[in-house]
Amino acid sequence: MSEVDRIRWQCRRGLLELDLVLSAFVERHFDRLDARQVELFKELLEQPDNDLLDLVMGRTELADPRCKPVLELLRAG
């Protein structure tokens, strides 16, 4: 299984809204991410579903500013 396939699998979440946002992000942006951004995206995927959805929707902010550029890409769609 390739890395992008593993990422796609990790993007399958318990919340449909989150599934849609993450899947669209991978399809649109993943091939343009550098290695550091991929690692930061993986870190974001470690968040619980509700916390990650709140981050993506802009209802909360990250404590770790390193992930902010990737989060901004997620929010932009």
PDB file of N, CA and C in Angstrom:
ATOM      1  N   MET A   1       0.848  -1.176   0.000  1.00  0.00           N
ATOM      2  CA  MET A   1       0.000   0.000   0.000  1.00  0.00           C
ATOM      3  C   MET A   1       0.894   1.240   0.000  1.00  0.00           C
ATOM      4  N   SER A   2       0.613   2.172  -0.879  1.00  0.00           N
ATOM      5  CA  SER A   2       1.417   3.391  -0.972  1.00  0.00           C
ATOM      6  C   SER A   2       1.065   4.358   0.160  1.00  0.00           C
ATOM      7  N   GLU A   3       1.916   5.349   0.331  1.00  0.00           N
ATOM      8  CA  GLU A   3       1.674   6.322   1.396  1.00  0.00           C
ATOM      9  C   GLU A   3       0.367   7.076   1.186  1.00  0.00           C
ATOM     10  N   VAL A   4       0.096   7.460  -0.052  1.00  0.00           N
ATOM     11  CA  VAL A   4      -1.154   8.191  -0.311  1.00  0.00           C
ATOM     12  C   VAL A   4      -2.368   7.296  -0.035  1.00  0.00           C
ATOM     13  N   ASP A   5      -2.257   6.007  -0.301  1.00  0.00           N
ATOM     14  CA  ASP A   5      -3.352   5.090   0.021  1.00  0.00           C
ATOM     15  C   ASP A   5      -3.555   4.998   1.531  1.00  0.00           C
ATOM     16  N   ARG A   6      -2.465   4.959   2.284  1.00  0.00           N
ATOM     17  CA  ARG A   6      -2.577   4.937   3.756  1.00  0.00           C
ATOM     18  C   ARG A   6      -3.218   6.226   4.259  1.00  0.00           C
ATOM     19  N   ILE A   7      -2.827   7.345   3.672  1.00  0.00           N
ATOM     20  CA  ILE A   7      -3.405   8.637   4.066  1.00  0.00           C
ATOM     21  C   ILE A   7      -4.894   8.655   3.744  1.00  0.00           C
ATOM     22  N   ARG A   8      -5.250   8.194   2.570  1.00  0.00           N
ATOM     23  CA  ARG A   8      -6.683   8.139   2.207  1.00  0.00           C
ATOM     24  C   ARG A   8      -7.462   7.305   3.216  1.00  0.00           C
ATOM     25  N   TRP A   9      -6.887   6.189   3.627  1.00  0.00           N
ATOM     26  CA  TRP A   9      -7.549   5.326   4.603  1.00  0.00           C
ATOM     27  C   TRP A   9      -7.710   6.062   5.940  1.00  0.00           C
ATOM     28  N   GLN A  10      -6.686   6.789   6.357  1.00  0.00           N
ATOM     29  CA  GLN A  10      -6.760   7.543   7.610  1.00  0.00           C
ATOM     30  C   GLN A  10      -7.766   8.684   7.535  1.00  0.00           C
ATOM     31  N   CYS A  11      -8.070   9.143   6.333  1.00  0.00           N
ATOM     32  CA  CYS A  11      -9.034  10.220   6.149  1.00  0.00           C
ATOM     33  C   CYS A  11     -10.477   9.733   6.288  1.00  0.00           C
ATOM     34  N   ARG A  12     -10.685   8.448   6.308  1.00  0.00           N
ATOM     35  CA  ARG A  12     -12.030   7.903   6.513  1.00  0.00           C
ATOM     36  C   ARG A  12     -12.338   7.986   7.991  1.00  0.00           C
ATOM     37  N   ARG A  13     -13.245   8.859   8.331  1.00  0.00           N
ATOM     38  CA  ARG A  13     -13.534   9.149   9.724  1.00  0.00           C
ATOM     39  C   ARG A  13     -14.979   8.816  10.055  1.00  0.00           C
ATOM     40  N   GLY A  14     -15.338   9.036  11.315  1.00  0.00           N
ATOM     41  CA  GLY A  14     -16.686   8.755  11.771  1.00  0.00           C
ATOM     42  C   GLY A  14     -17.675   9.871  11.489  1.00  0.00           C
ATOM     43  N   LEU A  15     -17.194  10.993  11.009  1.00  0.00           N
ATOM     44  CA  LEU A  15     -18.058  12.132  10.704  1.00  0.00           C
ATOM     45  C   LEU A  15     -18.034  12.379   9.201  1.00  0.00           C
ATOM     46  N   LEU A  16     -19.185  12.330   8.574  1.00  0.00           N
ATOM     47  CA  LEU A  16     -19.271  12.496   7.119  1.00  0.00           C
ATOM     48  C   LEU A  16     -18.667  13.823   6.669  1.00  0.00           C
ATOM     49  N   GLU A  17     -18.958  14.897   7.398  1.00  0.00           N
ATOM     50  CA  GLU A  17     -18.427  16.208   7.015  1.00  0.00           C
ATOM     51  C   GLU A  17     -16.907  16.181   6.969  1.00  0.00           C
ATOM     52  N   LEU A  18     -16.306  15.545   7.958  1.00  0.00           N
ATOM     53  CA  LEU A  18     -14.853  15.446   8.020  1.00  0.00           C
ATOM     54  C   LEU A  18     -14.320  14.562   6.898  1.00  0.00           C
ATOM     55  N   ASP A  19     -14.996  13.454   6.617  1.00  0.00           N
ATOM     56  CA  ASP A  19     -14.615  12.595   5.490  1.00  0.00           C
ATOM     57  C   ASP A  19     -14.548  13.398   4.195  1.00  0.00           C
ATOM     58  N   LEU A  20     -15.562  14.194   3.963  1.00  0.00           N
ATOM     59  CA  LEU A  20     -15.637  14.953   2.715  1.00  0.00           C
ATOM     60  C   LEU A  20     -14.511  15.980   2.603  1.00  0.00           C
ATOM     61  N   VAL A  21     -14.256  16.691   3.687  1.00  0.00           N
ATOM     62  CA  VAL A  21     -13.201  17.712   3.671  1.00  0.00           C
ATOM     63  C   VAL A  21     -11.835  17.065   3.483  1.00  0.00           C
ATOM     64  N   LEU A  22     -11.560  16.015   4.243  1.00  0.00           N
ATOM     65  CA  LEU A  22     -10.248  15.369   4.169  1.00  0.00           C
ATOM     66  C   LEU A  22     -10.021  14.707   2.812  1.00  0.00           C
ATOM     67  N   SER A  23     -11.034  14.037   2.305  1.00  0.00           N
ATOM     68  CA  SER A  23     -10.900  13.376   0.994  1.00  0.00           C
ATOM     69  C   SER A  23     -10.650  14.390  -0.107  1.00  0.00           C
ATOM     70  N   ALA A  24     -11.386  15.488  -0.073  1.00  0.00           N
ATOM     71  CA  ALA A  24     -11.195  16.533  -1.081  1.00  0.00           C
ATOM     72  C   ALA A  24      -9.789  17.129  -0.979  1.00  0.00           C
ATOM     73  N   PHE A  25      -9.318  17.322   0.240  1.00  0.00           N
ATOM     74  CA  PHE A  25      -7.976  17.865   0.447  1.00  0.00           C
ATOM     75  C   PHE A  25      -6.921  16.946  -0.166  1.00  0.00           C
ATOM     76  N   VAL A  26      -7.026  15.661   0.098  1.00  0.00           N
ATOM     77  CA  VAL A  26      -6.042  14.707  -0.432  1.00  0.00           C
ATOM     78  C   VAL A  26      -6.072  14.723  -1.952  1.00  0.00           C
ATOM     79  N   GLU A  27      -7.256  14.739  -2.533  1.00  0.00           N
ATOM     80  CA  GLU A  27      -7.355  14.733  -3.998  1.00  0.00           C
ATOM     81  C   GLU A  27      -6.792  16.007  -4.617  1.00  0.00           C
ATOM     82  N   ARG A  28      -7.007  17.139  -3.972  1.00  0.00           N
ATOM     83  CA  ARG A  28      -6.589  18.426  -4.548  1.00  0.00           C
ATOM     84  C   ARG A  28      -5.148  18.808  -4.240  1.00  0.00           C
ATOM     85  N   HIS A  29      -4.672  18.470  -3.032  1.00  0.00           N
ATOM     86  CA  HIS A  29      -3.417  19.049  -2.575  1.00  0.00           C
ATOM     87  C   HIS A  29      -2.299  18.061  -2.249  1.00  0.00           C
ATOM     88  N   PHE A  30      -2.616  16.808  -1.990  1.00  0.00           N
ATOM     89  CA  PHE A  30      -1.611  15.911  -1.441  1.00  0.00           C
ATOM     90  C   PHE A  30      -0.370  15.792  -2.325  1.00  0.00           C
ATOM     91  N   ASP A  31      -0.540  15.720  -3.623  1.00  0.00           N
ATOM     92  CA  ASP A  31       0.617  15.541  -4.512  1.00  0.00           C
ATOM     93  C   ASP A  31       1.525  16.770  -4.559  1.00  0.00           C
ATOM     94  N   ARG A  32       1.054  17.908  -4.032  1.00  0.00           N
ATOM     95  CA  ARG A  32       1.874  19.127  -4.016  1.00  0.00           C
ATOM     96  C   ARG A  32       2.491  19.404  -2.649  1.00  0.00           C
ATOM     97  N   LEU A  33       2.196  18.571  -1.660  1.00  0.00           N
ATOM     98  CA  LEU A  33       2.769  18.777  -0.332  1.00  0.00           C
ATOM     99  C   LEU A  33       4.210  18.288  -0.304  1.00  0.00           C
ATOM    100  N   ASP A  34       5.058  19.028   0.412  1.00  0.00           N
ATOM    101  CA  ASP A  34       6.419  18.542   0.591  1.00  0.00           C
ATOM    102  C   ASP A  34       6.426  17.561   1.770  1.00  0.00           C
ATOM    103  N   ALA A  35       7.561  16.943   2.020  1.00  0.00           N
ATOM    104  CA  ALA A  35       7.653  15.899   3.047  1.00  0.00           C
ATOM    105  C   ALA A  35       7.268  16.425   4.429  1.00  0.00           C
ATOM    106  N   ARG A  36       7.677  17.638   4.749  1.00  0.00           N
ATOM    107  CA  ARG A  36       7.339  18.219   6.057  1.00  0.00           C
ATOM    108  C   ARG A  36       5.836  18.423   6.177  1.00  0.00           C
ATOM    109  N   GLN A  37       5.203  18.937   5.131  1.00  0.00           N
ATOM    110  CA  GLN A  37       3.762  19.151   5.155  1.00  0.00           C
ATOM    111  C   GLN A  37       3.001  17.833   5.283  1.00  0.00           C
ATOM    112  N   VAL A  38       3.495  16.788   4.641  1.00  0.00           N
ATOM    113  CA  VAL A  38       2.866  15.472   4.762  1.00  0.00           C
ATOM    114  C   VAL A  38       2.916  15.009   6.213  1.00  0.00           C
ATOM    115  N   GLU A  39       4.059  15.180   6.851  1.00  0.00           N
ATOM    116  CA  GLU A  39       4.182  14.782   8.264  1.00  0.00           C
ATOM    117  C   GLU A  39       3.251  15.592   9.153  1.00  0.00           C
ATOM    118  N   LEU A  40       3.127  16.876   8.881  1.00  0.00           N
ATOM    119  CA  LEU A  40       2.223  17.715   9.662  1.00  0.00           C
ATOM    120  C   LEU A  40       0.771  17.321   9.434  1.00  0.00           C
ATOM    121  N   PHE A  41       0.430  16.968   8.206  1.00  0.00           N
ATOM    122  CA  PHE A  41      -0.929  16.492   7.914  1.00  0.00           C
ATOM    123  C   PHE A  41      -1.213  15.206   8.681  1.00  0.00           C
ATOM    124  N   LYS A  42      -0.240  14.320   8.717  1.00  0.00           N
ATOM    125  CA  LYS A  42      -0.402  13.077   9.483  1.00  0.00           C
ATOM    126  C   LYS A  42      -0.631  13.387  10.961  1.00  0.00           C
ATOM    127  N   GLU A  43       0.082  14.386  11.484  1.00  0.00           N
ATOM    128  CA  GLU A  43      -0.125  14.784  12.877  1.00  0.00           C
ATOM    129  C   GLU A  43      -1.549  15.280  13.092  1.00  0.00           C
ATOM    130  N   LEU A  44      -2.048  16.066  12.144  1.00  0.00           N
ATOM    131  CA  LEU A  44      -3.430  16.529  12.260  1.00  0.00           C
ATOM    132  C   LEU A  44      -4.403  15.354  12.262  1.00  0.00           C
ATOM    133  N   LEU A  45      -4.115  14.341  11.460  1.00  0.00           N
ATOM    134  CA  LEU A  45      -5.001  13.183  11.379  1.00  0.00           C
ATOM    135  C   LEU A  45      -5.027  12.373  12.678  1.00  0.00           C
ATOM    136  N   GLU A  46      -4.090  12.611  13.572  1.00  0.00           N
ATOM    137  CA  GLU A  46      -4.078  11.918  14.859  1.00  0.00           C
ATOM    138  C   GLU A  46      -5.101  12.501  15.831  1.00  0.00           C
ATOM    139  N   GLN A  47      -5.651  13.664  15.493  1.00  0.00           N
ATOM    140  CA  GLN A  47      -6.649  14.301  16.352  1.00  0.00           C
ATOM    141  C   GLN A  47      -7.950  13.493  16.341  1.00  0.00           C
ATOM    142  N   PRO A  48      -8.668  13.490  17.470  1.00  0.00           N
ATOM    143  CA  PRO A  48      -9.998  12.868  17.472  1.00  0.00           C
ATOM    144  C   PRO A  48     -10.913  13.577  16.470  1.00  0.00           C
ATOM    145  N   ASP A  49     -11.887  12.857  15.953  1.00  0.00           N
ATOM    146  CA  ASP A  49     -12.759  13.381  14.902  1.00  0.00           C
ATOM    147  C   ASP A  49     -13.367  14.744  15.236  1.00  0.00           C
ATOM    148  N   ASN A  50     -14.002  14.862  16.379  1.00  0.00           N
ATOM    149  CA  ASN A  50     -14.667  16.122  16.723  1.00  0.00           C
ATOM    150  C   ASN A  50     -13.683  17.267  16.858  1.00  0.00           C
ATOM    151  N   ASP A  51     -12.521  17.007  17.433  1.00  0.00           N
ATOM    152  CA  ASP A  51     -11.493  18.050  17.568  1.00  0.00           C
ATOM    153  C   ASP A  51     -10.978  18.472  16.200  1.00  0.00           C
ATOM    154  N   LEU A  52     -10.744  17.507  15.325  1.00  0.00           N
ATOM    155  CA  LEU A  52     -10.251  17.819  13.983  1.00  0.00           C
ATOM    156  C   LEU A  52     -11.296  18.600  13.190  1.00  0.00           C
ATOM    157  N   LEU A  53     -12.561  18.217  13.307  1.00  0.00           N
ATOM    158  CA  LEU A  53     -13.611  18.959  12.611  1.00  0.00           C
ATOM    159  C   LEU A  53     -13.671  20.398  13.120  1.00  0.00           C
ATOM    160  N   ASP A  54     -13.569  20.590  14.427  1.00  0.00           N
ATOM    161  CA  ASP A  54     -13.567  21.947  14.974  1.00  0.00           C
ATOM    162  C   ASP A  54     -12.390  22.757  14.449  1.00  0.00           C
ATOM    163  N   LEU A  55     -11.237  22.134  14.322  1.00  0.00           N
ATOM    164  CA  LEU A  55     -10.070  22.815  13.762  1.00  0.00           C
ATOM    165  C   LEU A  55     -10.307  23.208  12.312  1.00  0.00           C
ATOM    166  N   VAL A  56     -10.789  22.262  11.526  1.00  0.00           N
ATOM    167  CA  VAL A  56     -11.009  22.503  10.096  1.00  0.00           C
ATOM    168  C   VAL A  56     -12.072  23.578   9.883  1.00  0.00           C
ATOM    169  N   MET A  57     -13.102  23.581  10.714  1.00  0.00           N
ATOM    170  CA  MET A  57     -14.195  24.545  10.574  1.00  0.00           C
ATOM    171  C   MET A  57     -13.845  25.910  11.171  1.00  0.00           C
ATOM    172  N   GLY A  58     -12.693  26.021  11.828  1.00  0.00           N
ATOM    173  CA  GLY A  58     -12.261  27.286  12.398  1.00  0.00           C
ATOM    174  C   GLY A  58     -12.903  27.606  13.734  1.00  0.00           C
ATOM    175  N   ARG A  59     -13.518  26.623  14.357  1.00  0.00           N
ATOM    176  CA  ARG A  59     -14.145  26.855  15.660  1.00  0.00           C
ATOM    177  C   ARG A  59     -13.129  26.834  16.790  1.00  0.00           C
ATOM    178  N   THR A  60     -11.981  26.196  16.557  1.00  0.00           N
ATOM    179  CA  THR A  60     -10.879  26.182  17.515  1.00  0.00           C
ATOM    180  C   THR A  60      -9.586  26.412  16.746  1.00  0.00           C
ATOM    181  N   GLU A  61      -8.539  26.708  17.485  1.00  0.00           N
ATOM    182  CA  GLU A  61      -7.225  26.909  16.882  1.00  0.00           C
ATOM    183  C   GLU A  61      -6.244  25.900  17.458  1.00  0.00           C
ATOM    184  N   LEU A  62      -5.186  25.672  16.727  1.00  0.00           N
ATOM    185  CA  LEU A  62      -4.151  24.738  17.142  1.00  0.00           C
ATOM    186  C   LEU A  62      -3.277  25.315  18.240  1.00  0.00           C
ATOM    187  N   ALA A  63      -2.900  24.463  19.158  1.00  0.00           N
ATOM    188  CA  ALA A  63      -1.922  24.864  20.162  1.00  0.00           C
ATOM    189  C   ALA A  63      -0.522  24.868  19.539  1.00  0.00           C
ATOM    190  N   ASP A  64      -0.310  24.008  18.530  1.00  0.00           N
ATOM    191  CA  ASP A  64       0.980  23.867  17.862  1.00  0.00           C
ATOM    192  C   ASP A  64       0.962  24.640  16.539  1.00  0.00           C
ATOM    193  N   PRO A  65       1.660  25.753  16.454  1.00  0.00           N
ATOM    194  CA  PRO A  65       1.612  26.564  15.235  1.00  0.00           C
ATOM    195  C   PRO A  65       2.282  25.926  14.016  1.00  0.00           C
ATOM    196  N   ARG A  66       3.052  24.858  14.205  1.00  0.00           N
ATOM    197  CA  ARG A  66       3.728  24.213  13.063  1.00  0.00           C
ATOM    198  C   ARG A  66       2.731  23.704  12.029  1.00  0.00           C
ATOM    199  N   CYS A  67       1.570  23.275  12.455  1.00  0.00           N
ATOM    200  CA  CYS A  67       0.575  22.680  11.555  1.00  0.00           C
ATOM    201  C   CYS A  67      -0.317  23.721  10.884  1.00  0.00           C
ATOM    202  N   LYS A  68      -0.166  24.973  11.266  1.00  0.00           N
ATOM    203  CA  LYS A  68      -1.064  26.011  10.758  1.00  0.00           C
ATOM    204  C   LYS A  68      -1.100  26.111   9.223  1.00  0.00           C
ATOM    205  N   PRO A  69       0.031  26.070   8.516  1.00  0.00           N
ATOM    206  CA  PRO A  69      -0.047  26.163   7.052  1.00  0.00           C
ATOM    207  C   PRO A  69      -0.874  25.027   6.421  1.00  0.00           C
ATOM    208  N   VAL A  70      -0.742  23.829   6.944  1.00  0.00           N
ATOM    209  CA  VAL A  70      -1.514  22.696   6.405  1.00  0.00           C
ATOM    210  C   VAL A  70      -2.981  22.864   6.774  1.00  0.00           C
ATOM    211  N   LEU A  71      -3.248  23.317   7.978  1.00  0.00           N
ATOM    212  CA  LEU A  71      -4.630  23.558   8.401  1.00  0.00           C
ATOM    213  C   LEU A  71      -5.275  24.627   7.540  1.00  0.00           C
ATOM    214  N   GLU A  72      -4.542  25.649   7.177  1.00  0.00           N
ATOM    215  CA  GLU A  72      -5.080  26.698   6.313  1.00  0.00           C
ATOM    216  C   GLU A  72      -5.436  26.134   4.934  1.00  0.00           C
ATOM    217  N   LEU A  73      -4.624  25.221   4.412  1.00  0.00           N
ATOM    218  CA  LEU A  73      -4.957  24.549   3.149  1.00  0.00           C
ATOM    219  C   LEU A  73      -6.245  23.738   3.300  1.00  0.00           C
ATOM    220  N   LEU A  74      -6.378  23.044   4.423  1.00  0.00           N
ATOM    221  CA  LEU A  74      -7.590  22.270   4.679  1.00  0.00           C
ATOM    222  C   LEU A  74      -8.819  23.180   4.715  1.00  0.00           C
ATOM    223  N   ARG A  75      -8.690  24.291   5.384  1.00  0.00           N
ATOM    224  CA  ARG A  75      -9.811  25.224   5.502  1.00  0.00           C
ATOM    225  C   ARG A  75     -10.175  25.852   4.165  1.00  0.00           C
ATOM    226  N   ALA A  76      -9.194  26.058   3.309  1.00  0.00           N
ATOM    227  CA  ALA A  76      -9.431  26.674   2.013  1.00  0.00           C
ATOM    228  C   ALA A  76     -10.139  25.734   1.047  1.00  0.00           C
ATOM    229  N   GLY A  77     -10.057  24.447   1.344  1.00  0.00           N
ATOM    230  CA  GLY A  77     -10.722  23.479   0.480  1.00  0.00           C
ATOM    231  C   GLY A  77      -9.814  23.044  -0.563  1.00  0.00           C
TER     232      GLY A  77
END
